[in-house]
């Protein structure tokens, strides 16, 4: 079965490259409350710390979508 081409080459490269954030946007999207950072620092494994903070970002994004932000 042939593969569907949904995106052209330029769109595919844009999709696969990381987004470019301004300084304000980085602070807005990736700043964690200090209480949350302290809790994550208490997790033993750095992979667990990263996973915990990643779940927080996903949950924050989902609640912003529900609010219409």
N, C-alpha and C. Protein backbone atom coordinates (compact mmCIF):
# COMPACT_ATOMS: atom_id res chain seq x y z
N UNK A 1 0.85 -1.18 0.00
CA UNK A 1 0.00 0.00 0.00
C UNK A 1 0.90 1.25 0.00
N UNK A 2 0.67 2.19 -0.89
CA UNK A 2 1.51 3.39 -0.93
C UNK A 2 1.28 4.29 0.29
N UNK A 3 2.33 5.00 0.64
CA UNK A 3 2.28 5.91 1.79
C UNK A 3 1.63 7.23 1.38
N UNK A 4 0.73 7.75 2.23
CA UNK A 4 0.09 9.03 1.97
C UNK A 4 1.04 10.17 2.30
N UNK A 5 1.07 11.18 1.47
CA UNK A 5 1.86 12.37 1.73
C UNK A 5 0.92 13.46 2.23
N UNK A 6 0.92 13.66 3.54
CA UNK A 6 0.04 14.66 4.14
C UNK A 6 0.73 16.01 4.19
N UNK A 7 2.01 16.00 4.52
CA UNK A 7 2.79 17.23 4.61
C UNK A 7 3.83 17.25 3.50
N UNK A 8 4.08 18.45 2.97
CA UNK A 8 5.18 18.56 2.01
C UNK A 8 6.50 18.61 2.78
N UNK A 9 7.61 18.69 2.07
CA UNK A 9 8.93 18.62 2.70
C UNK A 9 9.16 19.75 3.70
N UNK A 10 8.79 20.97 3.35
CA UNK A 10 8.99 22.12 4.25
C UNK A 10 8.14 21.97 5.50
N UNK A 11 6.88 21.56 5.33
CA UNK A 11 5.99 21.37 6.48
C UNK A 11 6.48 20.24 7.38
N UNK A 12 7.01 19.18 6.77
CA UNK A 12 7.52 18.04 7.55
C UNK A 12 8.73 18.47 8.39
N UNK A 13 9.63 19.27 7.80
CA UNK A 13 10.79 19.74 8.55
C UNK A 13 10.37 20.65 9.70
N UNK A 14 9.38 21.52 9.44
CA UNK A 14 8.88 22.40 10.51
C UNK A 14 8.24 21.59 11.62
N UNK A 15 7.51 20.54 11.26
CA UNK A 15 6.84 19.69 12.25
C UNK A 15 7.86 18.94 13.10
N UNK A 16 8.93 18.47 12.49
CA UNK A 16 9.93 17.66 13.20
C UNK A 16 10.96 18.48 13.95
N UNK A 17 11.01 19.77 13.75
CA UNK A 17 11.99 20.60 14.46
C UNK A 17 11.37 21.15 15.74
N UNK A 18 12.19 21.42 16.74
CA UNK A 18 11.65 21.94 18.00
C UNK A 18 11.12 23.37 17.83
N UNK A 19 10.11 23.74 18.61
CA UNK A 19 9.57 25.10 18.51
C UNK A 19 10.58 26.13 19.01
N UNK A 20 10.45 27.35 18.51
CA UNK A 20 11.31 28.44 18.93
C UNK A 20 10.49 29.33 19.86
N UNK A 21 10.91 29.41 21.12
CA UNK A 21 10.20 30.21 22.11
C UNK A 21 10.98 31.47 22.42
N UNK A 22 10.25 32.53 22.71
CA UNK A 22 10.91 33.74 23.21
C UNK A 22 11.22 33.53 24.69
N UNK A 23 11.97 34.45 25.26
CA UNK A 23 12.32 34.34 26.67
C UNK A 23 11.05 34.32 27.53
N UNK A 24 10.10 35.18 27.22
CA UNK A 24 8.85 35.24 27.98
C UNK A 24 8.09 33.91 27.87
N UNK A 25 8.03 33.35 26.66
CA UNK A 25 7.30 32.09 26.47
C UNK A 25 7.97 30.94 27.22
N UNK A 26 9.30 30.90 27.23
CA UNK A 26 10.01 29.85 27.98
C UNK A 26 9.67 29.94 29.46
N UNK A 27 9.68 31.15 30.01
CA UNK A 27 9.35 31.32 31.43
C UNK A 27 7.89 30.94 31.70
N UNK A 28 7.01 31.28 30.76
CA UNK A 28 5.59 31.00 30.93
C UNK A 28 5.31 29.49 30.89
N UNK A 29 5.93 28.77 29.97
CA UNK A 29 5.61 27.36 29.78
C UNK A 29 6.45 26.41 30.62
N UNK A 30 7.67 26.79 30.97
CA UNK A 30 8.57 25.85 31.62
C UNK A 30 8.98 26.23 33.03
N UNK A 31 8.31 27.18 33.63
CA UNK A 31 8.62 27.56 35.01
C UNK A 31 7.72 26.73 35.93
N UNK A 32 8.34 26.08 36.88
CA UNK A 32 7.59 25.24 37.81
C UNK A 32 7.52 25.94 39.16
N UNK A 33 6.41 25.80 39.86
CA UNK A 33 6.33 26.35 41.22
C UNK A 33 7.43 25.75 42.10
N UNK A 34 7.94 26.54 43.03
CA UNK A 34 9.06 26.08 43.85
C UNK A 34 8.70 24.84 44.67
N UNK A 35 7.48 24.75 45.15
CA UNK A 35 7.05 23.58 45.92
C UNK A 35 7.12 22.31 45.05
N UNK A 36 6.75 22.45 43.80
CA UNK A 36 6.78 21.32 42.87
C UNK A 36 8.23 20.92 42.57
N UNK A 37 9.11 21.91 42.39
CA UNK A 37 10.53 21.63 42.14
C UNK A 37 11.17 20.92 43.32
N UNK A 38 10.81 21.34 44.54
CA UNK A 38 11.36 20.69 45.74
C UNK A 38 10.90 19.23 45.82
N UNK A 39 9.64 18.99 45.49
CA UNK A 39 9.13 17.62 45.51
C UNK A 39 9.86 16.77 44.48
N UNK A 40 10.03 17.29 43.26
CA UNK A 40 10.71 16.54 42.21
C UNK A 40 12.16 16.28 42.59
N UNK A 41 12.81 17.24 43.25
CA UNK A 41 14.21 17.06 43.66
C UNK A 41 14.33 15.92 44.67
N UNK A 42 13.27 15.65 45.41
CA UNK A 42 13.29 14.57 46.38
C UNK A 42 13.16 13.19 45.76
N UNK A 43 12.80 13.11 44.48
CA UNK A 43 12.73 11.82 43.81
C UNK A 43 14.15 11.32 43.54
N UNK A 44 14.35 10.04 43.69
CA UNK A 44 15.69 9.47 43.67
C UNK A 44 16.37 9.53 42.30
N UNK A 45 15.66 9.15 41.29
CA UNK A 45 16.24 8.98 39.96
C UNK A 45 15.95 10.22 39.10
N UNK A 46 16.94 10.76 38.39
CA UNK A 46 16.69 11.91 37.52
C UNK A 46 15.62 11.65 36.45
N UNK A 47 15.51 10.40 36.01
CA UNK A 47 14.46 10.07 35.04
C UNK A 47 13.08 10.22 35.68
N UNK A 48 12.95 9.87 36.94
CA UNK A 48 11.68 10.04 37.65
C UNK A 48 11.37 11.53 37.83
N UNK A 49 12.39 12.30 38.13
CA UNK A 49 12.19 13.74 38.29
C UNK A 49 11.68 14.35 36.99
N UNK A 50 12.33 14.00 35.89
CA UNK A 50 11.93 14.53 34.60
C UNK A 50 10.53 14.07 34.22
N UNK A 51 10.25 12.81 34.45
CA UNK A 51 8.91 12.28 34.15
C UNK A 51 7.82 12.97 34.96
N UNK A 52 8.09 13.20 36.23
CA UNK A 52 7.12 13.87 37.09
C UNK A 52 6.82 15.28 36.58
N UNK A 53 7.88 16.03 36.24
CA UNK A 53 7.69 17.39 35.76
C UNK A 53 7.03 17.40 34.39
N UNK A 54 7.31 16.40 33.57
CA UNK A 54 6.67 16.31 32.25
C UNK A 54 5.18 16.08 32.38
N UNK A 55 4.78 15.24 33.32
CA UNK A 55 3.36 14.99 33.56
C UNK A 55 2.70 16.28 34.04
N UNK A 56 3.38 17.05 34.88
CA UNK A 56 2.84 18.33 35.33
C UNK A 56 2.59 19.26 34.15
N UNK A 57 3.56 19.32 33.21
CA UNK A 57 3.38 20.18 32.03
C UNK A 57 2.19 19.73 31.20
N UNK A 58 2.03 18.42 31.04
CA UNK A 58 0.90 17.89 30.27
C UNK A 58 -0.42 18.23 30.94
N UNK A 59 -0.46 18.08 32.25
CA UNK A 59 -1.70 18.37 32.98
C UNK A 59 -2.02 19.86 32.91
N UNK A 60 -1.00 20.71 33.02
CA UNK A 60 -1.23 22.14 32.94
C UNK A 60 -1.73 22.52 31.55
N UNK A 61 -1.16 21.90 30.52
CA UNK A 61 -1.60 22.18 29.16
C UNK A 61 -3.05 21.73 28.95
N UNK A 62 -3.40 20.57 29.49
CA UNK A 62 -4.76 20.06 29.34
C UNK A 62 -5.77 20.95 30.05
N UNK A 63 -5.43 21.44 31.24
CA UNK A 63 -6.37 22.30 31.94
C UNK A 63 -6.49 23.67 31.25
N UNK A 64 -5.41 24.14 30.62
CA UNK A 64 -5.49 25.39 29.87
C UNK A 64 -6.37 25.22 28.65
N UNK A 65 -6.33 24.04 28.01
CA UNK A 65 -7.19 23.78 26.86
C UNK A 65 -8.64 23.74 27.27
N UNK A 66 -8.91 23.16 28.44
CA UNK A 66 -10.28 23.10 28.91
C UNK A 66 -10.83 24.47 29.26
N UNK A 67 -9.96 25.33 29.76
CA UNK A 67 -10.38 26.69 30.11
C UNK A 67 -10.51 27.59 28.88
N UNK A 68 -9.94 27.15 27.75
CA UNK A 68 -9.98 27.96 26.55
C UNK A 68 -8.85 28.95 26.47
N UNK A 69 -7.77 28.73 27.24
CA UNK A 69 -6.62 29.63 27.22
C UNK A 69 -5.74 29.36 26.04
